[in-house]
Amino acid sequence: MKDFAAIDFETANWCRSSICSIGIVIVRKGKFVEKIYSLVRPEPEWYSFWNTQIHGLSLEDTANAKIFPEVWTKIAPLIAGLPLVAHNSPFDEGCLRATFSVYGMDYPDYQFYCTCNASRKMFGKILPNHKLHTVAEYCGYDLRNHHHALADAEACAWIALQVFGIDDVIN
């Protein structure tokens, strides 16, 4: 797989539809060609203490951000036809599906691949765990800003290039 979009969502609270930031890295022919980051006004629009502790975003950060449909309208054409890659893809796919549902949008049945599952198969017990920062480090990526959606998407793209059989990793 040389063409894909690595994606990561951060959420404001326990609701999967509460996407508050999106990070996407588009990879074509094994090379990073575009990076997209956007804050999103979450739905529902409230922040849990724990989520803010994890990613550092709060209501003040997204109060003037666009709602998901406005953000996704610009993203959708850029990722059209590409498989989506995420670390722990059931979470990210769940967020995407829930948010599409909340806004009454037709879900286009994106094809997701999971770098966490792939790393378990490829690296097994070599790693102490298969968390994003652990796998990224093992694959040679320095994830300095973990839980920033774009940084996590970049790490995921880097991992995907390793675990899905692409040797020519050029950033």
C-alpha atoms as a PDB file:
ATOM      1  CA  MET A   1       0.000   0.000   0.000  1.00  0.00           C
ATOM      2  CA  LYS A   2       1.721   3.144  -1.237  1.00  0.00           C
ATOM      3  CA  ASP A   3      -1.295   5.452  -1.458  1.00  0.00           C
ATOM      4  CA  PHE A   4      -3.390   6.144   1.637  1.00  0.00           C
ATOM      5  CA  ALA A   5      -4.471   8.778   4.124  1.00  0.00           C
ATOM      6  CA  ALA A   6      -3.392   8.403   7.752  1.00  0.00           C
ATOM      7  CA  ILE A   7      -5.998   9.930  10.027  1.00  0.00           C
ATOM      8  CA  ASP A   8      -6.325  10.788  13.700  1.00  0.00           C
ATOM      9  CA  PHE A   9      -9.106  12.357  15.709  1.00  0.00           C
ATOM     10  CA  GLU A  10      -9.077  13.892  19.158  1.00  0.00           C
ATOM     11  CA  THR A  11     -12.396  14.086  20.976  1.00  0.00           C
ATOM     12  CA  ALA A  12     -13.718  16.609  23.474  1.00  0.00           C
ATOM     13  CA  ASN A  13     -15.482  14.076  25.677  1.00  0.00           C
ATOM     14  CA  TRP A  14     -16.570  10.445  25.864  1.00  0.00           C
ATOM     15  CA  CYS A  15     -18.973  10.826  22.898  1.00  0.00           C
ATOM     16  CA  ARG A  16     -17.401   9.495  19.709  1.00  0.00           C
ATOM     17  CA  SER A  17     -19.085  12.316  17.784  1.00  0.00           C
ATOM     18  CA  SER A  18     -17.227  14.981  19.784  1.00  0.00           C
ATOM     19  CA  ILE A  19     -14.338  15.335  17.331  1.00  0.00           C
ATOM     20  CA  CYS A  20     -12.452  18.494  18.273  1.00  0.00           C
ATOM     21  CA  SER A  21      -9.407  18.133  16.033  1.00  0.00           C
ATOM     22  CA  ILE A  22      -8.484  16.242  12.894  1.00  0.00           C
ATOM     23  CA  GLY A  23      -5.055  15.352  11.572  1.00  0.00           C
ATOM     24  CA  ILE A  24      -4.535  13.784   8.157  1.00  0.00           C
ATOM     25  CA  VAL A  25      -1.394  12.878   6.244  1.00  0.00           C
ATOM     26  CA  ILE A  26      -1.881  11.947   2.607  1.00  0.00           C
ATOM     27  CA  VAL A  27       0.686   9.522   1.250  1.00  0.00           C
ATOM     28  CA  ARG A  28       1.102   8.883  -2.460  1.00  0.00           C
ATOM     29  CA  LYS A  29       3.697   6.553  -3.942  1.00  0.00           C
ATOM     30  CA  GLY A  30       5.125   6.099  -0.457  1.00  0.00           C
ATOM     31  CA  LYS A  31       5.750   9.823   0.101  1.00  0.00           C
ATOM     32  CA  PHE A  32       4.057  12.346   2.367  1.00  0.00           C
ATOM     33  CA  VAL A  33       2.382  14.758  -0.060  1.00  0.00           C
ATOM     34  CA  GLU A  34      -0.072  16.691   2.091  1.00  0.00           C
ATOM     35  CA  LYS A  35      -0.681  17.359   5.765  1.00  0.00           C
ATOM     36  CA  ILE A  36      -4.006  18.668   7.032  1.00  0.00           C
ATOM     37  CA  TYR A  37      -4.861  19.857  10.521  1.00  0.00           C
ATOM     38  CA  SER A  38      -8.089  21.422  11.669  1.00  0.00           C
ATOM     39  CA  LEU A  39      -9.790  22.263  14.894  1.00  0.00           C
ATOM     40  CA  VAL A  40     -13.481  21.349  14.934  1.00  0.00           C
ATOM     41  CA  ARG A  41     -16.301  22.624  17.114  1.00  0.00           C
ATOM     42  CA  PRO A  42     -17.368  19.353  18.761  1.00  0.00           C
ATOM     43  CA  GLU A  43     -20.845  17.887  19.003  1.00  0.00           C
ATOM     44  CA  PRO A  44     -21.804  17.716  21.796  1.00  0.00           C
ATOM     45  CA  GLU A  45     -19.936  20.897  22.619  1.00  0.00           C
ATOM     46  CA  TRP A  46     -18.410  20.249  26.020  1.00  0.00           C
ATOM     47  CA  TYR A  47     -15.015  19.046  27.205  1.00  0.00           C
ATOM     48  CA  SER A  48     -14.311  16.432  29.815  1.00  0.00           C
ATOM     49  CA  PHE A  49     -11.494  17.155  32.215  1.00  0.00           C
ATOM     50  CA  TRP A  50      -9.736  13.913  31.201  1.00  0.00           C
ATOM     51  CA  ASN A  51      -9.845  14.542  27.467  1.00  0.00           C
ATOM     52  CA  THR A  52      -8.467  18.047  27.948  1.00  0.00           C
ATOM     53  CA  GLN A  53      -5.697  16.580  30.121  1.00  0.00           C
ATOM     54  CA  ILE A  54      -4.766  14.208  27.297  1.00  0.00           C
ATOM     55  CA  HIS A  55      -4.706  16.570  24.303  1.00  0.00           C
ATOM     56  CA  GLY A  56      -4.714  20.028  25.885  1.00  0.00           C
ATOM     57  CA  LEU A  57      -7.701  21.363  23.936  1.00  0.00           C
ATOM     58  CA  SER A  58     -10.594  23.151  25.608  1.00  0.00           C
ATOM     59  CA  LEU A  59     -13.833  24.913  24.732  1.00  0.00           C
ATOM     60  CA  GLU A  60     -11.906  28.169  24.262  1.00  0.00           C
ATOM     61  CA  ASP A  61      -9.756  26.548  21.553  1.00  0.00           C
ATOM     62  CA  THR A  62     -12.682  25.391  19.426  1.00  0.00           C
ATOM     63  CA  ALA A  63     -15.380  27.983  20.216  1.00  0.00           C
ATOM     64  CA  ASN A  64     -14.869  29.692  16.852  1.00  0.00           C
ATOM     65  CA  ALA A  65     -13.939  26.574  14.872  1.00  0.00           C
ATOM     66  CA  LYS A  66     -16.092  25.276  12.040  1.00  0.00           C
ATOM     67  CA  ILE A  67     -18.472  22.399  12.624  1.00  0.00           C
ATOM     68  CA  PHE A  68     -17.570  18.985  11.244  1.00  0.00           C
ATOM     69  CA  PRO A  69     -19.553  19.094   7.971  1.00  0.00           C
ATOM     70  CA  GLU A  70     -17.846  22.354   6.981  1.00  0.00           C
ATOM     71  CA  VAL A  71     -14.397  20.907   7.718  1.00  0.00           C
ATOM     72  CA  TRP A  72     -15.099  17.536   6.100  1.00  0.00           C
ATOM     73  CA  THR A  73     -16.383  19.139   2.876  1.00  0.00           C
ATOM     74  CA  LYS A  74     -12.824  20.342   2.257  1.00  0.00           C
ATOM     75  CA  ILE A  75     -11.176  17.072   3.357  1.00  0.00           C
ATOM     76  CA  ALA A  76     -13.403  14.571   1.521  1.00  0.00           C
ATOM     77  CA  PRO A  77     -12.169  15.351  -2.019  1.00  0.00           C
ATOM     78  CA  LEU A  78      -8.540  15.110  -0.894  1.00  0.00           C
ATOM     79  CA  ILE A  79      -8.944  11.587   0.477  1.00  0.00           C
ATOM     80  CA  ALA A  80     -11.466  10.298  -2.074  1.00  0.00           C
ATOM     81  CA  GLY A  81     -10.599   6.784  -3.181  1.00  0.00           C
ATOM     82  CA  LEU A  82      -7.830   6.369  -0.629  1.00  0.00           C
ATOM     83  CA  PRO A  83      -7.865   3.780   2.126  1.00  0.00           C
ATOM     84  CA  LEU A  84      -7.705   5.314   5.601  1.00  0.00           C
ATOM     85  CA  VAL A  85      -5.087   4.214   8.085  1.00  0.00           C
ATOM     86  CA  ALA A  86      -5.320   4.797  11.819  1.00  0.00           C
ATOM     87  CA  HIS A  87      -3.646   3.483  14.938  1.00  0.00           C
ATOM     88  CA  ASN A  88      -6.481   1.669  16.728  1.00  0.00           C
ATOM     89  CA  SER A  89      -8.719   2.212  13.727  1.00  0.00           C
ATOM     90  CA  PRO A  90     -11.948   1.066  15.455  1.00  0.00           C
ATOM     91  CA  PHE A  91     -11.769   4.254  17.553  1.00  0.00           C
ATOM     92  CA  ASP A  92     -11.185   6.592  14.600  1.00  0.00           C
ATOM     93  CA  GLU A  93     -13.692   4.848  12.353  1.00  0.00           C
ATOM     94  CA  GLY A  94     -16.197   4.936  15.224  1.00  0.00           C
ATOM     95  CA  CYS A  95     -15.656   8.671  15.615  1.00  0.00           C
ATOM     96  CA  LEU A  96     -16.126   9.248  11.918  1.00  0.00           C
ATOM     97  CA  ARG A  97     -19.287   7.134  11.723  1.00  0.00           C
ATOM     98  CA  ALA A  98     -20.779   8.724  14.864  1.00  0.00           C
ATOM     99  CA  THR A  99     -20.101  12.239  13.630  1.00  0.00           C
ATOM    100  CA  PHE A 100     -21.545  11.515  10.188  1.00  0.00           C
ATOM    101  CA  SER A 101     -24.643  10.161  11.970  1.00  0.00           C
ATOM    102  CA  VAL A 102     -25.023  13.179  14.278  1.00  0.00           C
ATOM    103  CA  TYR A 103     -25.014  15.509  11.286  1.00  0.00           C
ATOM    104  CA  GLY A 104     -27.228  13.279   9.104  1.00  0.00           C
ATOM    105  CA  MET A 105     -24.456  12.838   6.536  1.00  0.00           C
ATOM    106  CA  ASP A 106     -24.253   9.783   4.272  1.00  0.00           C
ATOM    107  CA  TYR A 107     -21.248   7.698   5.307  1.00  0.00           C
ATOM    108  CA  PRO A 108     -19.194   6.699   2.252  1.00  0.00           C
ATOM    109  CA  ASP A 109     -17.931   3.369   3.693  1.00  0.00           C
ATOM    110  CA  TYR A 110     -14.292   4.314   3.947  1.00  0.00           C
ATOM    111  CA  GLN A 111     -11.904   1.382   4.018  1.00  0.00           C
ATOM    112  CA  PHE A 112      -9.856   1.434   7.237  1.00  0.00           C
ATOM    113  CA  TYR A 113      -6.571  -0.304   8.047  1.00  0.00           C
ATOM    114  CA  CYS A 114      -5.199  -0.518  11.575  1.00  0.00           C
ATOM    115  CA  THR A 115      -1.512   0.039  12.270  1.00  0.00           C
ATOM    116  CA  CYS A 116      -1.967  -1.176  15.848  1.00  0.00           C
ATOM    117  CA  ASN A 117      -3.209  -4.587  14.693  1.00  0.00           C
ATOM    118  CA  ALA A 118      -0.558  -4.700  11.984  1.00  0.00           C
ATOM    119  CA  SER A 119       2.172  -3.923  14.521  1.00  0.00           C
ATOM    120  CA  ARG A 120       0.926  -6.725  16.784  1.00  0.00           C
ATOM    121  CA  LYS A 121       1.191  -9.159  13.887  1.00  0.00           C
ATOM    122  CA  MET A 122       4.549  -7.887  12.678  1.00  0.00           C
ATOM    123  CA  PHE A 123       6.355  -7.155  15.953  1.00  0.00           C
ATOM    124  CA  GLY A 124       4.490  -9.390  18.411  1.00  0.00           C
ATOM    125  CA  LYS A 125       6.268  -9.599  21.752  1.00  0.00           C
ATOM    126  CA  ILE A 126       9.306  -7.671  20.546  1.00  0.00           C
ATOM    127  CA  LEU A 127       7.570  -4.533  21.868  1.00  0.00           C
ATOM    128  CA  PRO A 128       6.376  -4.056  25.467  1.00  0.00           C
ATOM    129  CA  ASN A 129       3.066  -2.711  24.088  1.00  0.00           C
ATOM    130  CA  HIS A 130       1.628  -1.522  20.809  1.00  0.00           C
ATOM    131  CA  LYS A 131       0.689   2.020  21.778  1.00  0.00           C
ATOM    132  CA  LEU A 132       1.258   4.632  19.110  1.00  0.00           C
ATOM    133  CA  HIS A 133       4.325   6.241  20.675  1.00  0.00           C
ATOM    134  CA  THR A 134       5.955   2.841  21.337  1.00  0.00           C
ATOM    135  CA  VAL A 135       5.443   1.546  17.799  1.00  0.00           C
ATOM    136  CA  ALA A 136       6.421   4.885  16.275  1.00  0.00           C
ATOM    137  CA  GLU A 137       9.691   4.907  18.188  1.00  0.00           C
ATOM    138  CA  TYR A 138      10.436   1.327  17.170  1.00  0.00           C
ATOM    139  CA  CYS A 139       9.785   2.267  13.526  1.00  0.00           C
ATOM    140  CA  GLY A 140      12.171   5.227  13.779  1.00  0.00           C
ATOM    141  CA  TYR A 141       9.690   8.070  14.196  1.00  0.00           C
ATOM    142  CA  ASP A 142      10.150  10.562  17.040  1.00  0.00           C
ATOM    143  CA  LEU A 143       6.616  11.368  18.218  1.00  0.00           C
ATOM    144  CA  ARG A 144       7.259  14.527  20.209  1.00  0.00           C
ATOM    145  CA  ASN A 145       3.738  15.929  20.336  1.00  0.00           C
ATOM    146  CA  HIS A 146       1.660  12.850  21.131  1.00  0.00           C
ATOM    147  CA  HIS A 147      -2.110  13.473  21.173  1.00  0.00           C
ATOM    148  CA  HIS A 148      -1.876  16.339  18.709  1.00  0.00           C
ATOM    149  CA  ALA A 149      -3.999  14.988  15.857  1.00  0.00           C
ATOM    150  CA  LEU A 150      -1.532  15.881  13.102  1.00  0.00           C
ATOM    151  CA  ALA A 151       1.498  14.550  14.984  1.00  0.00           C
ATOM    152  CA  ASP A 152      -0.351  11.296  15.652  1.00  0.00           C
ATOM    153  CA  ALA A 153      -1.426  11.041  11.988  1.00  0.00           C
ATOM    154  CA  GLU A 154       2.196  11.579  10.907  1.00  0.00           C
ATOM    155  CA  ALA A 155       3.359   8.836  13.274  1.00  0.00           C
ATOM    156  CA  CYS A 156       0.638   6.544  11.982  1.00  0.00           C
ATOM    157  CA  ALA A 157       1.639   7.206   8.357  1.00  0.00           C
ATOM    158  CA  TRP A 158       5.263   6.455   9.194  1.00  0.00           C
ATOM    159  CA  ILE A 159       4.266   3.198  10.893  1.00  0.00           C
ATOM    160  CA  ALA A 160       1.990   2.251   7.988  1.00  0.00           C
ATOM    161  CA  LEU A 161       4.871   2.620   5.566  1.00  0.00           C
ATOM    162  CA  GLN A 162       6.824   0.167   7.727  1.00  0.00           C
ATOM    163  CA  VAL A 163       4.200  -2.415   8.618  1.00  0.00           C
ATOM    164  CA  PHE A 164       2.406  -2.540   5.291  1.00  0.00           C
ATOM    165  CA  GLY A 165       5.611  -3.423   3.437  1.00  0.00           C
ATOM    166  CA  ILE A 166       6.915  -0.186   2.009  1.00  0.00           C
ATOM    167  CA  ASP A 167      10.676   0.092   2.407  1.00  0.00           C
ATOM    168  CA  ASP A 168      11.180   3.466   0.752  1.00  0.00           C
ATOM    169  CA  VAL A 169      10.150   5.849   3.531  1.00  0.00           C
ATOM    170  CA  ILE A 170      10.715   9.438   2.487  1.00  0.00           C
ATOM    171  CA  ASN A 171       9.157  12.251   4.468  1.00  0.00           C
END
